[in-house]
Amino acid sequence: MEISPDTQILYQWGDWRLNATVAFTWVVMGVLVVGSWAITARLSEGETVSRWQMFLEVIVETIRAQIAEVGAETPDRFLPFVGTLFLFIAMANLLAIIPGFQPPTGSLSTTAALAICVLMAVPLFTIARDGLGHFLRGYIRPTPLMLPFNIIAEASRTVALAIRLYGNVMSGTVIAGILVSIAPFFFPVLLQLLGLLTGFVQAYIFAILAMVYIASASRTRGGTDGTPPDSKGD
């Protein structure tokens, strides 16, 4: 039983190898790009809209509401990034119902890459709002002795995000393999239905954890009360 799609080589040319993780990642990206283009190509601002546009608006508004509940001061700033994380993970897990498709989120390299994106998002969002100098000073608060501990905290959160998502997908793959080997004709149907549910739950949890991480780090870098330094009256 292959747990990670990294071990499945689809094509090899000399020393260059194309594994299932890379191939299926591009499949997910292609589905999202084509789907986004098809839905947004005929957007309407009138009273009559298509079902796909209604579905898209529900997703966007739901994600925006969840970001606001986390405590972000301006949800629209984080909506494209967090929404992309959610849609990518959800689509990757949803396509697992197709025979032969292995979700790239079952690879630790993919989950680590997503976690690194979250790690990079923290300084980018904070620097765009407060400036580079204020962001760097956040690592030595309340004392310069906290510098190594703040760096370790940033790295540990990234590792936790990667391992959490990878562990969820991997555990589902292992359980599916065991149950299919026991009763190959009955359990696959139930597992497909359960996989659809857990796939969306995993995407939701990862996106929310990423937003909590970004929002908390942004408030810490922004000051003790969570407001940008330029919004405080001196």
C-alpha atoms as a PDB file:
ATOM      1  CA  MET A   1       0.000   0.000   0.000  1.00  0.00           C
ATOM      2  CA  GLU A   2       1.438   3.361  -1.042  1.00  0.00           C
ATOM      3  CA  ILE A   3       0.859   5.941   1.675  1.00  0.00           C
ATOM      4  CA  SER A   4       2.482   8.933   0.008  1.00  0.00           C
ATOM      5  CA  PRO A   5       2.116   9.850  -3.684  1.00  0.00           C
ATOM      6  CA  ASP A   6       5.828  10.726  -3.640  1.00  0.00           C
ATOM      7  CA  THR A   7       6.643   7.060  -4.065  1.00  0.00           C
ATOM      8  CA  GLN A   8       4.650   6.689  -7.295  1.00  0.00           C
ATOM      9  CA  ILE A   9       6.750   7.615 -10.330  1.00  0.00           C
ATOM     10  CA  LEU A  10       4.607   8.394 -13.363  1.00  0.00           C
ATOM     11  CA  TYR A  11       7.377   9.297 -15.806  1.00  0.00           C
ATOM     12  CA  GLN A  12      11.158   9.173 -15.784  1.00  0.00           C
ATOM     13  CA  TRP A  13      13.634  10.664 -18.206  1.00  0.00           C
ATOM     14  CA  GLY A  14      17.206  10.131 -17.158  1.00  0.00           C
ATOM     15  CA  ASP A  15      17.645  11.467 -13.643  1.00  0.00           C
ATOM     16  CA  TRP A  16      14.461  13.543 -13.868  1.00  0.00           C
ATOM     17  CA  ARG A  17      11.380  11.972 -12.352  1.00  0.00           C
ATOM     18  CA  LEU A  18       7.755  13.041 -12.339  1.00  0.00           C
ATOM     19  CA  ASN A  19       6.008  11.644  -9.294  1.00  0.00           C
ATOM     20  CA  ALA A  20       2.302  11.575  -8.526  1.00  0.00           C
ATOM     21  CA  THR A  21       2.558  14.456  -6.055  1.00  0.00           C
ATOM     22  CA  VAL A  22       3.721  16.941  -8.695  1.00  0.00           C
ATOM     23  CA  ALA A  23       1.400  15.629 -11.398  1.00  0.00           C
ATOM     24  CA  PHE A  24      -1.722  15.635  -9.252  1.00  0.00           C
ATOM     25  CA  THR A  25      -0.843  19.059  -7.838  1.00  0.00           C
ATOM     26  CA  TRP A  26      -0.907  20.456 -11.364  1.00  0.00           C
ATOM     27  CA  VAL A  27      -4.209  18.652 -11.967  1.00  0.00           C
ATOM     28  CA  VAL A  28      -5.744  20.380  -8.933  1.00  0.00           C
ATOM     29  CA  MET A  29      -4.340  23.733 -10.040  1.00  0.00           C
ATOM     30  CA  GLY A  30      -5.710  23.210 -13.543  1.00  0.00           C
ATOM     31  CA  VAL A  31      -9.176  22.352 -12.251  1.00  0.00           C
ATOM     32  CA  LEU A  32      -9.207  25.448 -10.037  1.00  0.00           C
ATOM     33  CA  VAL A  33      -8.006  27.752 -12.826  1.00  0.00           C
ATOM     34  CA  VAL A  34     -10.455  26.433 -15.416  1.00  0.00           C
ATOM     35  CA  GLY A  35     -13.293  26.356 -12.904  1.00  0.00           C
ATOM     36  CA  SER A  36     -12.593  29.912 -11.753  1.00  0.00           C
ATOM     37  CA  TRP A  37     -12.474  31.162 -15.323  1.00  0.00           C
ATOM     38  CA  ALA A  38     -15.692  29.379 -16.262  1.00  0.00           C
ATOM     39  CA  ILE A  39     -17.598  30.701 -13.228  1.00  0.00           C
ATOM     40  CA  THR A  40     -16.327  34.289 -13.391  1.00  0.00           C
ATOM     41  CA  ALA A  41     -16.560  34.645 -17.169  1.00  0.00           C
ATOM     42  CA  ARG A  42     -20.266  35.480 -16.984  1.00  0.00           C
ATOM     43  CA  LEU A  43     -20.686  37.307 -13.709  1.00  0.00           C
ATOM     44  CA  SER A  44     -23.831  39.371 -13.424  1.00  0.00           C
ATOM     45  CA  GLU A  45     -24.710  42.266 -11.120  1.00  0.00           C
ATOM     46  CA  GLY A  46     -28.390  42.140 -11.934  1.00  0.00           C
ATOM     47  CA  GLU A  47     -31.212  40.444 -10.084  1.00  0.00           C
ATOM     48  CA  THR A  48     -30.836  37.216 -12.054  1.00  0.00           C
ATOM     49  CA  VAL A  49     -27.617  35.296 -11.513  1.00  0.00           C
ATOM     50  CA  SER A  50     -26.530  31.784 -12.358  1.00  0.00           C
ATOM     51  CA  ARG A  51     -26.391  28.984  -9.822  1.00  0.00           C
ATOM     52  CA  TRP A  52     -22.613  28.829 -10.169  1.00  0.00           C
ATOM     53  CA  GLN A  53     -22.320  32.516  -9.339  1.00  0.00           C
ATOM     54  CA  MET A  54     -24.557  32.048  -6.300  1.00  0.00           C
ATOM     55  CA  PHE A  55     -22.402  29.113  -5.213  1.00  0.00           C
ATOM     56  CA  LEU A  56     -19.247  31.201  -5.650  1.00  0.00           C
ATOM     57  CA  GLU A  57     -20.699  34.122  -3.715  1.00  0.00           C
ATOM     58  CA  VAL A  58     -21.690  31.818  -0.854  1.00  0.00           C
ATOM     59  CA  ILE A  59     -18.150  30.435  -0.651  1.00  0.00           C
ATOM     60  CA  VAL A  60     -16.555  33.893  -0.711  1.00  0.00           C
ATOM     61  CA  GLU A  61     -18.914  35.338   1.890  1.00  0.00           C
ATOM     62  CA  THR A  62     -18.498  32.299   4.144  1.00  0.00           C
ATOM     63  CA  ILE A  63     -14.723  32.529   4.024  1.00  0.00           C
ATOM     64  CA  ARG A  64     -14.857  36.288   4.640  1.00  0.00           C
ATOM     65  CA  ALA A  65     -17.136  35.738   7.661  1.00  0.00           C
ATOM     66  CA  GLN A  66     -14.823  33.094   9.097  1.00  0.00           C
ATOM     67  CA  ILE A  67     -11.823  35.411   8.713  1.00  0.00           C
ATOM     68  CA  ALA A  68     -13.715  38.181  10.499  1.00  0.00           C
ATOM     69  CA  GLU A  69     -14.618  35.826  13.358  1.00  0.00           C
ATOM     70  CA  VAL A  70     -10.961  34.996  13.866  1.00  0.00           C
ATOM     71  CA  GLY A  71     -10.398  38.651  14.678  1.00  0.00           C
ATOM     72  CA  ALA A  72      -8.817  40.060  11.530  1.00  0.00           C
ATOM     73  CA  GLU A  73      -9.337  43.809  11.320  1.00  0.00           C
ATOM     74  CA  THR A  74      -9.742  43.778   7.522  1.00  0.00           C
ATOM     75  CA  PRO A  75     -10.949  40.392   6.202  1.00  0.00           C
ATOM     76  CA  ASP A  76     -10.584  41.452   2.566  1.00  0.00           C
ATOM     77  CA  ARG A  77      -6.790  41.702   2.994  1.00  0.00           C
ATOM     78  CA  PHE A  78      -6.541  38.013   3.845  1.00  0.00           C
ATOM     79  CA  LEU A  79      -9.420  36.672   1.735  1.00  0.00           C
ATOM     80  CA  PRO A  80      -7.425  35.812  -1.451  1.00  0.00           C
ATOM     81  CA  PHE A  81      -4.684  33.978   0.450  1.00  0.00           C
ATOM     82  CA  VAL A  82      -6.830  32.076   2.945  1.00  0.00           C
ATOM     83  CA  GLY A  83      -9.465  31.350   0.310  1.00  0.00           C
ATOM     84  CA  THR A  84      -6.845  29.894  -2.022  1.00  0.00           C
ATOM     85  CA  LEU A  85      -5.529  27.644   0.754  1.00  0.00           C
ATOM     86  CA  PHE A  86      -9.009  26.348   1.496  1.00  0.00           C
ATOM     87  CA  LEU A  87     -10.002  25.780  -2.134  1.00  0.00           C
ATOM     88  CA  PHE A  88      -6.737  24.031  -3.015  1.00  0.00           C
ATOM     89  CA  ILE A  89      -6.888  21.599  -0.087  1.00  0.00           C
ATOM     90  CA  ALA A  90     -10.622  21.004  -0.480  1.00  0.00           C
ATOM     91  CA  MET A  91     -10.333  20.337  -4.222  1.00  0.00           C
ATOM     92  CA  ALA A  92      -7.330  18.051  -3.731  1.00  0.00           C
ATOM     93  CA  ASN A  93      -9.277  15.951  -1.238  1.00  0.00           C
ATOM     94  CA  LEU A  94     -12.476  16.080  -3.275  1.00  0.00           C
ATOM     95  CA  LEU A  95     -10.794  14.730  -6.408  1.00  0.00           C
ATOM     96  CA  ALA A  96      -9.731  11.678  -4.380  1.00  0.00           C
ATOM     97  CA  ILE A  97     -13.088  10.105  -5.303  1.00  0.00           C
ATOM     98  CA  ILE A  98     -11.713   9.660  -8.843  1.00  0.00           C
ATOM     99  CA  PRO A  99     -10.137   6.203  -9.196  1.00  0.00           C
ATOM    100  CA  GLY A 100      -6.357   6.422  -9.420  1.00  0.00           C
ATOM    101  CA  PHE A 101      -6.148   9.968  -8.103  1.00  0.00           C
ATOM    102  CA  GLN A 102      -3.976  10.463  -5.034  1.00  0.00           C
ATOM    103  CA  PRO A 103      -4.415  13.767  -3.176  1.00  0.00           C
ATOM    104  CA  PRO A 104      -1.139  15.707  -3.150  1.00  0.00           C
ATOM    105  CA  THR A 105      -1.961  16.759   0.414  1.00  0.00           C
ATOM    106  CA  GLY A 106      -1.022  13.192   1.356  1.00  0.00           C
ATOM    107  CA  SER A 107       2.606  14.161   0.735  1.00  0.00           C
ATOM    108  CA  LEU A 108       4.590  15.816   3.494  1.00  0.00           C
ATOM    109  CA  SER A 109       6.367  17.938   0.873  1.00  0.00           C
ATOM    110  CA  THR A 110       3.051  19.478  -0.198  1.00  0.00           C
ATOM    111  CA  THR A 111       1.816  20.153   3.323  1.00  0.00           C
ATOM    112  CA  ALA A 112       5.216  21.582   4.246  1.00  0.00           C
ATOM    113  CA  ALA A 113       5.063  23.890   1.213  1.00  0.00           C
ATOM    114  CA  LEU A 114       1.604  25.101   2.261  1.00  0.00           C
ATOM    115  CA  ALA A 115       2.845  25.707   5.805  1.00  0.00           C
ATOM    116  CA  ILE A 116       5.841  27.651   4.476  1.00  0.00           C
ATOM    117  CA  CYS A 117       3.438  29.817   2.485  1.00  0.00           C
ATOM    118  CA  VAL A 118       1.657  30.609   5.756  1.00  0.00           C
ATOM    119  CA  LEU A 119       4.975  31.348   7.431  1.00  0.00           C
ATOM    120  CA  MET A 120       5.901  33.780   4.643  1.00  0.00           C
ATOM    121  CA  ALA A 121       2.465  35.387   4.729  1.00  0.00           C
ATOM    122  CA  VAL A 122       2.986  36.656   8.279  1.00  0.00           C
ATOM    123  CA  PRO A 123       5.904  39.007   7.513  1.00  0.00           C
ATOM    124  CA  LEU A 124       4.457  40.014   4.141  1.00  0.00           C
ATOM    125  CA  PHE A 125       1.106  41.081   5.596  1.00  0.00           C
ATOM    126  CA  THR A 126       2.728  42.750   8.595  1.00  0.00           C
ATOM    127  CA  ILE A 127       5.403  44.585   6.604  1.00  0.00           C
ATOM    128  CA  ALA A 128       2.802  45.808   4.110  1.00  0.00           C
ATOM    129  CA  ARG A 129       0.826  47.297   6.989  1.00  0.00           C
ATOM    130  CA  ASP A 130       3.454  48.441   9.523  1.00  0.00           C
ATOM    131  CA  GLY A 131       6.778  48.547   7.677  1.00  0.00           C
ATOM    132  CA  LEU A 132       9.929  46.416   7.833  1.00  0.00           C
ATOM    133  CA  GLY A 133      11.456  48.098  10.862  1.00  0.00           C
ATOM    134  CA  HIS A 134       8.416  47.610  13.048  1.00  0.00           C
ATOM    135  CA  PHE A 135       8.144  43.962  12.018  1.00  0.00           C
ATOM    136  CA  LEU A 136      11.773  43.203  12.914  1.00  0.00           C
ATOM    137  CA  ARG A 137      11.416  44.939  16.283  1.00  0.00           C
ATOM    138  CA  GLY A 138       8.612  42.529  17.093  1.00  0.00           C
ATOM    139  CA  TYR A 139      11.152  39.702  17.427  1.00  0.00           C
ATOM    140  CA  ILE A 140      12.967  41.432  20.295  1.00  0.00           C
ATOM    141  CA  ARG A 141       9.892  42.284  22.343  1.00  0.00           C
ATOM    142  CA  PRO A 142       9.684  42.646  25.268  1.00  0.00           C
ATOM    143  CA  THR A 143      13.453  42.084  25.501  1.00  0.00           C
ATOM    144  CA  PRO A 144      16.202  41.147  22.992  1.00  0.00           C
ATOM    145  CA  LEU A 145      16.683  37.921  24.952  1.00  0.00           C
ATOM    146  CA  MET A 146      13.397  36.723  23.417  1.00  0.00           C
ATOM    147  CA  LEU A 147      14.820  36.717  19.859  1.00  0.00           C
ATOM    148  CA  PRO A 148      15.708  32.994  19.688  1.00  0.00           C
ATOM    149  CA  PHE A 149      12.442  31.993  21.359  1.00  0.00           C
ATOM    150  CA  ASN A 150      10.363  34.062  18.944  1.00  0.00           C
ATOM    151  CA  ILE A 151      12.178  32.480  15.993  1.00  0.00           C
ATOM    152  CA  ILE A 152      11.609  28.982  17.393  1.00  0.00           C
ATOM    153  CA  ALA A 153       7.921  29.792  17.927  1.00  0.00           C
ATOM    154  CA  GLU A 154       7.524  30.817  14.285  1.00  0.00           C
ATOM    155  CA  ALA A 155       9.210  27.643  13.046  1.00  0.00           C
ATOM    156  CA  SER A 156       7.294  25.334  15.395  1.00  0.00           C
ATOM    157  CA  ARG A 157       3.945  26.700  14.233  1.00  0.00           C
ATOM    158  CA  THR A 158       4.900  26.026  10.635  1.00  0.00           C
ATOM    159  CA  VAL A 159       5.949  22.445  11.396  1.00  0.00           C
ATOM    160  CA  ALA A 160       2.730  21.881  13.354  1.00  0.00           C
ATOM    161  CA  LEU A 161       0.586  23.057  10.425  1.00  0.00           C
ATOM    162  CA  ALA A 162       2.389  20.760   7.983  1.00  0.00           C
ATOM    163  CA  ILE A 163       2.315  17.665  10.187  1.00  0.00           C
ATOM    164  CA  ARG A 164      -1.324  18.199  11.182  1.00  0.00           C
ATOM    165  CA  LEU A 165      -2.590  18.252   7.584  1.00  0.00           C
ATOM    166  CA  TYR A 166      -0.272  15.441   6.469  1.00  0.00           C
ATOM    167  CA  GLY A 167      -1.269  13.282   9.430  1.00  0.00           C
ATOM    168  CA  ASN A 168      -4.974  13.725   8.729  1.00  0.00           C
ATOM    169  CA  VAL A 169      -4.668  12.731   5.075  1.00  0.00           C
ATOM    170  CA  MET A 170      -2.204   9.913   5.741  1.00  0.00           C
ATOM    171  CA  SER A 171      -4.348   8.394   8.488  1.00  0.00           C
ATOM    172  CA  GLY A 172      -7.329   8.361   6.141  1.00  0.00           C
ATOM    173  CA  THR A 173      -5.258   6.596   3.492  1.00  0.00           C
ATOM    174  CA  VAL A 174      -4.036   3.949   5.930  1.00  0.00           C
ATOM    175  CA  ILE A 175      -7.511   3.255   7.304  1.00  0.00           C
ATOM    176  CA  ALA A 176      -8.921   3.037   3.785  1.00  0.00           C
ATOM    177  CA  GLY A 177      -6.267   0.501   2.791  1.00  0.00           C
ATOM    178  CA  ILE A 178      -6.947  -1.666   5.826  1.00  0.00           C
ATOM    179  CA  LEU A 179     -10.731  -1.657   5.410  1.00  0.00           C
ATOM    180  CA  VAL A 180     -10.561  -2.275   1.668  1.00  0.00           C
ATOM    181  CA  SER A 181      -8.318  -5.287   2.244  1.00  0.00           C
ATOM    182  CA  ILE A 182     -10.886  -6.648   4.717  1.00  0.00           C
ATOM    183  CA  ALA A 183     -14.055  -6.028   2.712  1.00  0.00           C
ATOM    184  CA  PRO A 184     -13.264  -4.660  -0.753  1.00  0.00           C
ATOM    185  CA  PHE A 185     -16.875  -4.481  -1.920  1.00  0.00           C
ATOM    186  CA  PHE A 186     -18.601  -2.738   0.972  1.00  0.00           C
ATOM    187  CA  PHE A 187     -16.267  -0.296   2.664  1.00  0.00           C
ATOM    188  CA  PRO A 188     -15.110   1.693  -0.431  1.00  0.00           C
ATOM    189  CA  VAL A 189     -18.561   3.265  -0.855  1.00  0.00           C
ATOM    190  CA  LEU A 190     -18.700   4.407   2.759  1.00  0.00           C
ATOM    191  CA  LEU A 191     -15.111   5.580   2.650  1.00  0.00           C
ATOM    192  CA  GLN A 192     -15.753   7.720  -0.412  1.00  0.00           C
ATOM    193  CA  LEU A 193     -18.618   9.475   1.356  1.00  0.00           C
ATOM    194  CA  LEU A 194     -16.594   9.851   4.520  1.00  0.00           C
ATOM    195  CA  GLY A 195     -13.635  11.106   2.490  1.00  0.00           C
ATOM    196  CA  LEU A 196     -15.701  13.929   1.006  1.00  0.00           C
ATOM    197  CA  LEU A 197     -16.663  15.098   4.482  1.00  0.00           C
ATOM    198  CA  THR A 198     -13.228  14.791   6.061  1.00  0.00           C
ATOM    199  CA  GLY A 199     -11.620  16.436   3.030  1.00  0.00           C
ATOM    200  CA  PHE A 200     -13.596  19.630   3.538  1.00  0.00           C
ATOM    201  CA  VAL A 201     -13.044  19.478   7.292  1.00  0.00           C
ATOM    202  CA  GLN A 202      -9.279  19.222   6.774  1.00  0.00           C
ATOM    203  CA  ALA A 203      -9.317  22.174   4.380  1.00  0.00           C
ATOM    204  CA  TYR A 204     -11.396  24.213   6.831  1.00  0.00           C
ATOM    205  CA  ILE A 205      -9.158  23.412   9.797  1.00  0.00           C
ATOM    206  CA  PHE A 206      -5.961  24.219   7.925  1.00  0.00           C
ATOM    207  CA  ALA A 207      -7.332  27.521   6.605  1.00  0.00           C
ATOM    208  CA  ILE A 208      -8.632  28.539  10.033  1.00  0.00           C
ATOM    209  CA  LEU A 209      -5.369  27.608  11.746  1.00  0.00           C
ATOM    210  CA  ALA A 210      -3.463  29.586   9.132  1.00  0.00           C
ATOM    211  CA  MET A 211      -5.709  32.610   9.682  1.00  0.00           C
ATOM    212  CA  VAL A 212      -5.410  32.334  13.473  1.00  0.00           C
ATOM    213  CA  TYR A 213      -1.635  32.171  13.105  1.00  0.00           C
ATOM    214  CA  ILE A 214      -1.529  35.194  10.788  1.00  0.00           C
ATOM    215  CA  ALA A 215      -3.980  37.227  12.867  1.00  0.00           C
ATOM    216  CA  SER A 216      -2.250  36.519  16.181  1.00  0.00           C
ATOM    217  CA  ALA A 217       1.192  37.238  14.759  1.00  0.00           C
ATOM    218  CA  SER A 218      -0.106  40.395  13.120  1.00  0.00           C
ATOM    219  CA  ARG A 219      -1.579  41.633  16.400  1.00  0.00           C
ATOM    220  CA  THR A 220       1.663  40.836  18.223  1.00  0.00           C
ATOM    221  CA  ARG A 221       3.773  42.661  15.650  1.00  0.00           C
ATOM    222  CA  GLY A 222       1.285  45.517  15.538  1.00  0.00           C
ATOM    223  CA  GLY A 223       1.512  46.304  19.224  1.00  0.00           C
ATOM    224  CA  THR A 224       0.184  45.223  22.557  1.00  0.00           C
ATOM    225  CA  ASP A 225      -3.380  46.208  21.723  1.00  0.00           C
ATOM    226  CA  GLY A 226      -3.333  44.726  18.214  1.00  0.00           C
ATOM    227  CA  THR A 227      -3.597  48.078  16.399  1.00  0.00           C
ATOM    228  CA  PRO A 228      -1.150  49.309  13.802  1.00  0.00           C
ATOM    229  CA  PRO A 229       1.424  51.732  15.149  1.00  0.00           C
ATOM    230  CA  ASP A 230       0.273  54.504  12.834  1.00  0.00           C
ATOM    231  CA  SER A 231      -3.283  54.315  14.234  1.00  0.00           C
ATOM    232  CA  LYS A 232      -2.264  55.216  17.775  1.00  0.00           C
ATOM    233  CA  GLY A 233      -2.336  58.763  18.808  1.00  0.00           C
ATOM    234  CA  ASP A 234       1.012  60.044  20.074  1.00  0.00           C
END
